[in-house]
């Protein structure tokens, strides 16, 4: 019996690729090529334009710069207002205390007015008492003056609505109209702010007051009453 060896048998040839496999390979290759072509077509759209990007960054820098300058100006204004508030609080801190003390000065003035010079000369005890009251009143005004409180000199001065409060008018042809001819109660200022207006009597019927000649101090705003703060 003849044995057939495997090596004598003819080798089977590789099966031919089926049409379906060839179509699958072609579809895959075509899809890859289409994807590559599609990526290549969209590449210029994805890539940023350098000029447009620079313009965008410059606009962003300008916006941030404006916001920074605005925030800086607001911070400076807030600091300036806070500093002014602190300065005013320190400058006018004694306003309420000064207002409470002013009636004491008024009563001392009334006490001195009740003791005329003739009565003092006739009574040594009254004279000594008046001297003591005068010294006390002077010390009180000096103490107030250390904190910027000063008495308003209203007598024979032109009426100033920023400093004076007119209680009544009095016919007087010897002085220009609108002159303070009597003071019921002294007024006071603290620094450049009105603390209490002077209660006065104003003349009427006199000649018209001549306009004052402006001098250097008035030009600089240093004339009495100009620019006075009446917020207190």
Foldseek 3Di string as FASTA:
>chain_A
DDDDDPVNDDDDDDDDDDPVVVVVVVVVVVVVVVVVVVCVVCVVVPDDDVVVVVVVVVVVVVVVVVVVVVVVVVVVVVVVVVVVVVVVCVLCVCLVVVVVCQVVLVVLVVLLVVQDPVNCVVDVVSVVVNVVSVVVSVVVQVVVVVSQKDWDDQAQAADDPLAADEPEEDEDAPHAFRHFHAWPGIWIARHLEGSGHTYTYTYDDYHHDDDDDDDPCVVVVNPPPGPRHHPD
